[in-house]
Amino acid sequence: MINTKSNLKHRIMAIRFAIWDLHLYLDTHIGDCMALELTEKYKKQLRQLMDEYICQYGPISIKDDNAEKWLCTPFPWVNSGSDC
């Protein structure tokens, strides 16, 4: 499967949603070890997808490592390359 920019973003959003949904579930089902294990599995997958996205396309948000790369990339409305 080819991981295009849009495909990676969608997968990241889906896993973030699943983690948040499991977080809410665990608020009321504290002892559910399977849900906790699934949450950890999804967190690992999310980190891998985020690393892949950042490596290929740059930071997703200002909170990401090396977010200062945004300063060296052209704005979406600029067609020329960066001066950095």
PDB file of N, CA and C in Angstrom:
ATOM      1  N   MET A   1       0.842  -1.188   0.000  1.00  0.00           N
ATOM      2  CA  MET A   1       0.000   0.000   0.000  1.00  0.00           C
ATOM      3  C   MET A   1       0.885   1.248   0.000  1.00  0.00           C
ATOM      4  N   ILE A   2       0.635   2.135  -0.917  1.00  0.00           N
ATOM      5  CA  ILE A   2       1.397   3.374  -0.996  1.00  0.00           C
ATOM      6  C   ILE A   2       0.817   4.376  -0.002  1.00  0.00           C
ATOM      7  N   ASN A   3       1.695   4.944   0.825  1.00  0.00           N
ATOM      8  CA  ASN A   3       1.253   5.920   1.816  1.00  0.00           C
ATOM      9  C   ASN A   3       1.414   7.329   1.258  1.00  0.00           C
ATOM     10  N   THR A   4       0.358   7.823   0.648  1.00  0.00           N
ATOM     11  CA  THR A   4       0.378   9.187   0.158  1.00  0.00           C
ATOM     12  C   THR A   4       0.149  10.130   1.330  1.00  0.00           C
ATOM     13  N   LYS A   5       0.384  11.397   1.094  1.00  0.00           N
ATOM     14  CA  LYS A   5       0.215  12.405   2.141  1.00  0.00           C
ATOM     15  C   LYS A   5      -1.200  12.365   2.712  1.00  0.00           C
ATOM     16  N   SER A   6      -2.181  12.356   1.849  1.00  0.00           N
ATOM     17  CA  SER A   6      -3.571  12.361   2.300  1.00  0.00           C
ATOM     18  C   SER A   6      -3.935  11.049   3.007  1.00  0.00           C
ATOM     19  N   ASN A   7      -3.428   9.932   2.504  1.00  0.00           N
ATOM     20  CA  ASN A   7      -3.685   8.637   3.126  1.00  0.00           C
ATOM     21  C   ASN A   7      -3.093   8.601   4.537  1.00  0.00           C
ATOM     22  N   LEU A   8      -1.861   9.075   4.692  1.00  0.00           N
ATOM     23  CA  LEU A   8      -1.237   9.111   6.009  1.00  0.00           C
ATOM     24  C   LEU A   8      -2.016  10.002   6.970  1.00  0.00           C
ATOM     25  N   LYS A   9      -2.452  11.172   6.496  1.00  0.00           N
ATOM     26  CA  LYS A   9      -3.234  12.070   7.357  1.00  0.00           C
ATOM     27  C   LYS A   9      -4.514  11.394   7.830  1.00  0.00           C
ATOM     28  N   HIS A  10      -5.204  10.711   6.934  1.00  0.00           N
ATOM     29  CA  HIS A  10      -6.454  10.035   7.298  1.00  0.00           C
ATOM     30  C   HIS A  10      -6.208   8.921   8.311  1.00  0.00           C
ATOM     31  N   ARG A  11      -5.140   8.165   8.107  1.00  0.00           N
ATOM     32  CA  ARG A  11      -4.818   7.091   9.051  1.00  0.00           C
ATOM     33  C   ARG A  11      -4.452   7.653  10.414  1.00  0.00           C
ATOM     34  N   ILE A  12      -3.706   8.759  10.431  1.00  0.00           N
ATOM     35  CA  ILE A  12      -3.340   9.411  11.694  1.00  0.00           C
ATOM     36  C   ILE A  12      -4.591   9.898  12.411  1.00  0.00           C
ATOM     37  N   MET A  13      -5.500  10.532  11.680  1.00  0.00           N
ATOM     38  CA  MET A  13      -6.734  11.016  12.304  1.00  0.00           C
ATOM     39  C   MET A  13      -7.572   9.858  12.849  1.00  0.00           C
ATOM     40  N   ALA A  14      -7.649   8.749  12.116  1.00  0.00           N
ATOM     41  CA  ALA A  14      -8.438   7.602  12.553  1.00  0.00           C
ATOM     42  C   ALA A  14      -7.860   6.996  13.831  1.00  0.00           C
ATOM     43  N   ILE A  15      -6.550   6.869  13.883  1.00  0.00           N
ATOM     44  CA  ILE A  15      -5.939   6.284  15.080  1.00  0.00           C
ATOM     45  C   ILE A  15      -6.040   7.245  16.257  1.00  0.00           C
ATOM     46  N   ARG A  16      -5.896   8.542  16.015  1.00  0.00           N
ATOM     47  CA  ARG A  16      -6.086   9.511  17.105  1.00  0.00           C
ATOM     48  C   ARG A  16      -7.502   9.416  17.670  1.00  0.00           C
ATOM     49  N   PHE A  17      -8.484   9.269  16.776  1.00  0.00           N
ATOM     50  CA  PHE A  17      -9.872   9.137  17.221  1.00  0.00           C
ATOM     51  C   PHE A  17     -10.051   7.868  18.050  1.00  0.00           C
ATOM     52  N   ALA A  18      -9.472   6.760  17.579  1.00  0.00           N
ATOM     53  CA  ALA A  18      -9.595   5.493  18.306  1.00  0.00           C
ATOM     54  C   ALA A  18      -8.959   5.600  19.690  1.00  0.00           C
ATOM     55  N   ILE A  19      -7.809   6.252  19.777  1.00  0.00           N
ATOM     56  CA  ILE A  19      -7.147   6.431  21.074  1.00  0.00           C
ATOM     57  C   ILE A  19      -8.025   7.275  21.996  1.00  0.00           C
ATOM     58  N   TRP A  20      -8.590   8.345  21.471  1.00  0.00           N
ATOM     59  CA  TRP A  20      -9.451   9.210  22.293  1.00  0.00           C
ATOM     60  C   TRP A  20     -10.699   8.448  22.748  1.00  0.00           C
ATOM     61  N   ASP A  21     -11.289   7.660  21.846  1.00  0.00           N
ATOM     62  CA  ASP A  21     -12.479   6.886  22.184  1.00  0.00           C
ATOM     63  C   ASP A  21     -12.156   5.855  23.274  1.00  0.00           C
ATOM     64  N   LEU A  22     -11.019   5.191  23.147  1.00  0.00           N
ATOM     65  CA  LEU A  22     -10.608   4.240  24.181  1.00  0.00           C
ATOM     66  C   LEU A  22     -10.317   4.950  25.500  1.00  0.00           C
ATOM     67  N   HIS A  23      -9.759   6.140  25.424  1.00  0.00           N
ATOM     68  CA  HIS A  23      -9.496   6.930  26.633  1.00  0.00           C
ATOM     69  C   HIS A  23     -10.814   7.206  27.378  1.00  0.00           C
ATOM     70  N   LEU A  24     -11.824   7.613  26.641  1.00  0.00           N
ATOM     71  CA  LEU A  24     -13.130   7.871  27.256  1.00  0.00           C
ATOM     72  C   LEU A  24     -13.720   6.589  27.836  1.00  0.00           C
ATOM     73  N   TYR A  25     -13.584   5.485  27.110  1.00  0.00           N
ATOM     74  CA  TYR A  25     -14.080   4.193  27.599  1.00  0.00           C
ATOM     75  C   TYR A  25     -13.366   3.809  28.892  1.00  0.00           C
ATOM     76  N   LEU A  26     -12.050   4.002  28.931  1.00  0.00           N
ATOM     77  CA  LEU A  26     -11.282   3.624  30.114  1.00  0.00           C
ATOM     78  C   LEU A  26     -11.591   4.503  31.326  1.00  0.00           C
ATOM     79  N   ASP A  27     -12.152   5.686  31.094  1.00  0.00           N
ATOM     80  CA  ASP A  27     -12.582   6.521  32.220  1.00  0.00           C
ATOM     81  C   ASP A  27     -13.663   5.833  33.044  1.00  0.00           C
ATOM     82  N   THR A  28     -14.471   5.009  32.392  1.00  0.00           N
ATOM     83  CA  THR A  28     -15.565   4.335  33.094  1.00  0.00           C
ATOM     84  C   THR A  28     -15.337   2.836  33.269  1.00  0.00           C
ATOM     85  N   HIS A  29     -14.316   2.300  32.629  1.00  0.00           N
ATOM     86  CA  HIS A  29     -13.995   0.873  32.720  1.00  0.00           C
ATOM     87  C   HIS A  29     -12.509   0.726  33.053  1.00  0.00           C
ATOM     88  N   ILE A  30     -12.152   1.171  34.226  1.00  0.00           N
ATOM     89  CA  ILE A  30     -10.754   1.281  34.639  1.00  0.00           C
ATOM     90  C   ILE A  30     -10.015  -0.050  34.587  1.00  0.00           C
ATOM     91  N   GLY A  31     -10.656  -1.129  34.893  1.00  0.00           N
ATOM     92  CA  GLY A  31      -9.990  -2.424  34.975  1.00  0.00           C
ATOM     93  C   GLY A  31      -9.907  -3.202  33.675  1.00  0.00           C
ATOM     94  N   ASP A  32     -10.304  -2.631  32.570  1.00  0.00           N
ATOM     95  CA  ASP A  32     -10.308  -3.349  31.297  1.00  0.00           C
ATOM     96  C   ASP A  32      -8.899  -3.381  30.699  1.00  0.00           C
ATOM     97  N   CYS A  33      -8.196  -4.470  30.974  1.00  0.00           N
ATOM     98  CA  CYS A  33      -6.801  -4.599  30.519  1.00  0.00           C
ATOM     99  C   CYS A  33      -6.698  -4.705  28.997  1.00  0.00           C
ATOM    100  N   MET A  34      -7.685  -5.322  28.365  1.00  0.00           N
ATOM    101  CA  MET A  34      -7.651  -5.449  26.902  1.00  0.00           C
ATOM    102  C   MET A  34      -7.748  -4.080  26.236  1.00  0.00           C
ATOM    103  N   ALA A  35      -8.602  -3.212  26.771  1.00  0.00           N
ATOM    104  CA  ALA A  35      -8.737  -1.867  26.213  1.00  0.00           C
ATOM    105  C   ALA A  35      -7.447  -1.069  26.432  1.00  0.00           C
ATOM    106  N   LEU A  36      -6.817  -1.245  27.566  1.00  0.00           N
ATOM    107  CA  LEU A  36      -5.563  -0.561  27.847  1.00  0.00           C
ATOM    108  C   LEU A  36      -4.456  -1.040  26.910  1.00  0.00           C
ATOM    109  N   GLU A  37      -4.392  -2.348  26.672  1.00  0.00           N
ATOM    110  CA  GLU A  37      -3.413  -2.901  25.731  1.00  0.00           C
ATOM    111  C   GLU A  37      -3.663  -2.386  24.321  1.00  0.00           C
ATOM    112  N   LEU A  38      -4.932  -2.315  23.923  1.00  0.00           N
ATOM    113  CA  LEU A  38      -5.279  -1.802  22.601  1.00  0.00           C
ATOM    114  C   LEU A  38      -4.883  -0.337  22.471  1.00  0.00           C
ATOM    115  N   THR A  39      -5.080   0.428  23.536  1.00  0.00           N
ATOM    116  CA  THR A  39      -4.678   1.836  23.527  1.00  0.00           C
ATOM    117  C   THR A  39      -3.176   1.955  23.310  1.00  0.00           C
ATOM    118  N   GLU A  40      -2.403   1.152  24.002  1.00  0.00           N
ATOM    119  CA  GLU A  40      -0.945   1.189  23.849  1.00  0.00           C
ATOM    120  C   GLU A  40      -0.530   0.768  22.439  1.00  0.00           C
ATOM    121  N   LYS A  41      -1.220  -0.223  21.887  1.00  0.00           N
ATOM    122  CA  LYS A  41      -0.938  -0.655  20.512  1.00  0.00           C
ATOM    123  C   LYS A  41      -1.194   0.489  19.532  1.00  0.00           C
ATOM    124  N   TYR A  42      -2.330   1.182  19.714  1.00  0.00           N
ATOM    125  CA  TYR A  42      -2.652   2.303  18.833  1.00  0.00           C
ATOM    126  C   TYR A  42      -1.675   3.464  19.004  1.00  0.00           C
ATOM    127  N   LYS A  43      -1.227   3.697  20.222  1.00  0.00           N
ATOM    128  CA  LYS A  43      -0.245   4.766  20.450  1.00  0.00           C
ATOM    129  C   LYS A  43       1.058   4.469  19.709  1.00  0.00           C
ATOM    130  N   LYS A  44       1.462   3.211  19.706  1.00  0.00           N
ATOM    131  CA  LYS A  44       2.676   2.816  18.989  1.00  0.00           C
ATOM    132  C   LYS A  44       2.482   3.009  17.484  1.00  0.00           C
ATOM    133  N   GLN A  45       1.327   2.594  16.969  1.00  0.00           N
ATOM    134  CA  GLN A  45       1.029   2.769  15.550  1.00  0.00           C
ATOM    135  C   GLN A  45       1.002   4.252  15.184  1.00  0.00           C
ATOM    136  N   LEU A  46       0.417   5.067  16.068  1.00  0.00           N
ATOM    137  CA  LEU A  46       0.338   6.500  15.814  1.00  0.00           C
ATOM    138  C   LEU A  46       1.742   7.094  15.724  1.00  0.00           C
ATOM    139  N   ARG A  47       2.620   6.720  16.649  1.00  0.00           N
ATOM    140  CA  ARG A  47       3.992   7.244  16.634  1.00  0.00           C
ATOM    141  C   ARG A  47       4.700   6.863  15.339  1.00  0.00           C
ATOM    142  N   GLN A  48       4.492   5.615  14.878  1.00  0.00           N
ATOM    143  CA  GLN A  48       5.112   5.167  13.627  1.00  0.00           C
ATOM    144  C   GLN A  48       4.583   5.961  12.432  1.00  0.00           C
ATOM    145  N   LEU A  49       3.263   6.160  12.390  1.00  0.00           N
ATOM    146  CA  LEU A  49       2.676   6.927  11.290  1.00  0.00           C
ATOM    147  C   LEU A  49       3.125   8.389  11.323  1.00  0.00           C
ATOM    148  N   MET A  50       3.177   8.948  12.538  1.00  0.00           N
ATOM    149  CA  MET A  50       3.623  10.344  12.671  1.00  0.00           C
ATOM    150  C   MET A  50       5.080  10.479  12.212  1.00  0.00           C
ATOM    151  N   ASP A  51       5.922   9.538  12.617  1.00  0.00           N
ATOM    152  CA  ASP A  51       7.328   9.575  12.202  1.00  0.00           C
ATOM    153  C   ASP A  51       7.450   9.475  10.683  1.00  0.00           C
ATOM    154  N   GLU A  52       6.655   8.585  10.088  1.00  0.00           N
ATOM    155  CA  GLU A  52       6.676   8.430   8.636  1.00  0.00           C
ATOM    156  C   GLU A  52       6.220   9.722   7.947  1.00  0.00           C
ATOM    157  N   TYR A  53       5.139  10.310   8.453  1.00  0.00           N
ATOM    158  CA  TYR A  53       4.621  11.540   7.856  1.00  0.00           C
ATOM    159  C   TYR A  53       5.643  12.670   7.975  1.00  0.00           C
ATOM    160  N   ILE A  54       6.195  12.840   9.160  1.00  0.00           N
ATOM    161  CA  ILE A  54       7.154  13.917   9.404  1.00  0.00           C
ATOM    162  C   ILE A  54       8.393  13.739   8.530  1.00  0.00           C
ATOM    163  N   CYS A  55       8.839  12.512   8.383  1.00  0.00           N
ATOM    164  CA  CYS A  55      10.010  12.224   7.556  1.00  0.00           C
ATOM    165  C   CYS A  55       9.755  12.592   6.094  1.00  0.00           C
ATOM    166  N   GLN A  56       8.558  12.293   5.604  1.00  0.00           N
ATOM    167  CA  GLN A  56       8.254  12.518   4.189  1.00  0.00           C
ATOM    168  C   GLN A  56       7.763  13.926   3.885  1.00  0.00           C
ATOM    169  N   TYR A  57       6.957  14.511   4.791  1.00  0.00           N
ATOM    170  CA  TYR A  57       6.264  15.755   4.461  1.00  0.00           C
ATOM    171  C   TYR A  57       6.507  16.903   5.431  1.00  0.00           C
ATOM    172  N   GLY A  58       7.214  16.661   6.512  1.00  0.00           N
ATOM    173  CA  GLY A  58       7.448  17.709   7.502  1.00  0.00           C
ATOM    174  C   GLY A  58       6.449  17.626   8.638  1.00  0.00           C
ATOM    175  N   PRO A  59       6.577  18.537   9.600  1.00  0.00           N
ATOM    176  CA  PRO A  59       5.732  18.486  10.802  1.00  0.00           C
ATOM    177  C   PRO A  59       4.251  18.676  10.500  1.00  0.00           C
ATOM    178  N   ILE A  60       3.427  17.996  11.288  1.00  0.00           N
ATOM    179  CA  ILE A  60       1.976  18.123  11.159  1.00  0.00           C
ATOM    180  C   ILE A  60       1.480  19.304  11.972  1.00  0.00           C
ATOM    181  N   SER A  61       2.073  19.489  13.137  1.00  0.00           N
ATOM    182  CA  SER A  61       1.656  20.599  13.990  1.00  0.00           C
ATOM    183  C   SER A  61       2.880  21.241  14.626  1.00  0.00           C
ATOM    184  N   ILE A  62       2.676  22.365  15.260  1.00  0.00           N
ATOM    185  CA  ILE A  62       3.754  23.110  15.891  1.00  0.00           C
ATOM    186  C   ILE A  62       4.363  22.330  17.055  1.00  0.00           C
ATOM    187  N   LYS A  63       3.629  21.350  17.587  1.00  0.00           N
ATOM    188  CA  LYS A  63       4.100  20.555  18.713  1.00  0.00           C
ATOM    189  C   LYS A  63       5.070  19.456  18.292  1.00  0.00           C
ATOM    190  N   ASP A  64       5.166  19.178  16.993  1.00  0.00           N
ATOM    191  CA  ASP A  64       6.029  18.106  16.507  1.00  0.00           C
ATOM    192  C   ASP A  64       7.500  18.485  16.618  1.00  0.00           C
ATOM    193  N   ASP A  65       8.340  17.455  16.682  1.00  0.00           N
ATOM    194  CA  ASP A  65       9.782  17.683  16.667  1.00  0.00           C
ATOM    195  C   ASP A  65      10.170  18.383  15.370  1.00  0.00           C
ATOM    196  N   ASN A  66      11.131  19.253  15.449  1.00  0.00           N
ATOM    197  CA  ASN A  66      11.633  19.990  14.289  1.00  0.00           C
ATOM    198  C   ASN A  66      10.557  20.818  13.595  1.00  0.00           C
ATOM    199  N   ALA A  67       9.623  21.333  14.357  1.00  0.00           N
ATOM    200  CA  ALA A  67       8.545  22.133  13.772  1.00  0.00           C
ATOM    201  C   ALA A  67       9.081  23.413  13.148  1.00  0.00           C
ATOM    202  N   GLU A  68      10.296  23.812  13.508  1.00  0.00           N
ATOM    203  CA  GLU A  68      10.869  25.021  12.919  1.00  0.00           C
ATOM    204  C   GLU A  68      11.120  24.856  11.415  1.00  0.00           C
ATOM    205  N   LYS A  69      11.010  23.625  10.901  1.00  0.00           N
ATOM    206  CA  LYS A  69      11.129  23.402   9.462  1.00  0.00           C
ATOM    207  C   LYS A  69      10.077  24.206   8.698  1.00  0.00           C
ATOM    208  N   TRP A  70       8.965  24.506   9.375  1.00  0.00           N
ATOM    209  CA  TRP A  70       7.923  25.309   8.717  1.00  0.00           C
ATOM    210  C   TRP A  70       8.462  26.657   8.280  1.00  0.00           C
ATOM    211  N   LEU A  71       9.418  27.181   9.016  1.00  0.00           N
ATOM    212  CA  LEU A  71       9.976  28.483   8.664  1.00  0.00           C
ATOM    213  C   LEU A  71      10.746  28.429   7.354  1.00  0.00           C
ATOM    214  N   CYS A  72      11.208  27.260   6.973  1.00  0.00           N
ATOM    215  CA  CYS A  72      12.032  27.108   5.771  1.00  0.00           C
ATOM    216  C   CYS A  72      11.259  26.580   4.572  1.00  0.00           C
ATOM    217  N   THR A  73       9.979  26.385   4.714  1.00  0.00           N
ATOM    218  CA  THR A  73       9.190  25.896   3.590  1.00  0.00           C
ATOM    219  C   THR A  73       8.314  27.033   3.070  1.00  0.00           C
ATOM    220  N   PRO A  74       8.035  27.028   1.768  1.00  0.00           N
ATOM    221  CA  PRO A  74       7.204  28.099   1.217  1.00  0.00           C
ATOM    222  C   PRO A  74       5.758  27.985   1.701  1.00  0.00           C
ATOM    223  N   PHE A  75       5.102  29.115   1.792  1.00  0.00           N
ATOM    224  CA  PHE A  75       3.687  29.112   2.129  1.00  0.00           C
ATOM    225  C   PHE A  75       2.909  28.484   0.977  1.00  0.00           C
ATOM    226  N   PRO A  76       1.724  27.951   1.235  1.00  0.00           N
ATOM    227  CA  PRO A  76       0.972  27.259   0.177  1.00  0.00           C
ATOM    228  C   PRO A  76       0.715  28.124  -1.056  1.00  0.00           C
ATOM    229  N   TRP A  77       0.622  29.428  -0.883  1.00  0.00           N
ATOM    230  CA  TRP A  77       0.304  30.291  -2.019  1.00  0.00           C
ATOM    231  C   TRP A  77       1.557  30.752  -2.761  1.00  0.00           C
ATOM    232  N   VAL A  78       2.727  30.345  -2.287  1.00  0.00           N
ATOM    233  CA  VAL A  78       3.980  30.708  -2.948  1.00  0.00           C
ATOM    234  C   VAL A  78       4.429  29.512  -3.799  1.00  0.00           C
ATOM    235  N   ASN A  79       4.677  29.764  -5.083  1.00  0.00           N
ATOM    236  CA  ASN A  79       5.047  28.678  -5.977  1.00  0.00           C
ATOM    237  C   ASN A  79       6.543  28.425  -6.033  1.00  0.00           C
ATOM    238  N   SER A  80       7.354  29.371  -5.598  1.00  0.00           N
ATOM    239  CA  SER A  80       8.800  29.186  -5.679  1.00  0.00           C
ATOM    240  C   SER A  80       9.317  28.444  -4.462  1.00  0.00           C
ATOM    241  N   GLY A  81      10.602  28.066  -4.497  1.00  0.00           N
ATOM    242  CA  GLY A  81      11.236  27.338  -3.402  1.00  0.00           C
ATOM    243  C   GLY A  81      11.540  28.243  -2.227  1.00  0.00           C
ATOM    244  N   SER A  82      12.123  27.653  -1.215  1.00  0.00           N
ATOM    245  CA  SER A  82      12.435  28.347   0.027  1.00  0.00           C
ATOM    246  C   SER A  82      13.830  28.972  -0.033  1.00  0.00           C
ATOM    247  N   ASP A  83      14.030  30.051   0.718  1.00  0.00           N
ATOM    248  CA  ASP A  83      15.335  30.695   0.809  1.00  0.00           C
ATOM    249  C   ASP A  83      16.191  30.100   1.900  1.00  0.00           C
ATOM    250  N   CYS A  84      15.634  29.227   2.734  1.00  0.00           N
ATOM    251  CA  CYS A  84      16.384  28.659   3.864  1.00  0.00           C
ATOM    252  C   CYS A  84      17.340  27.580   3.411  1.00  0.00           C
TER     253      CYS A  84
END
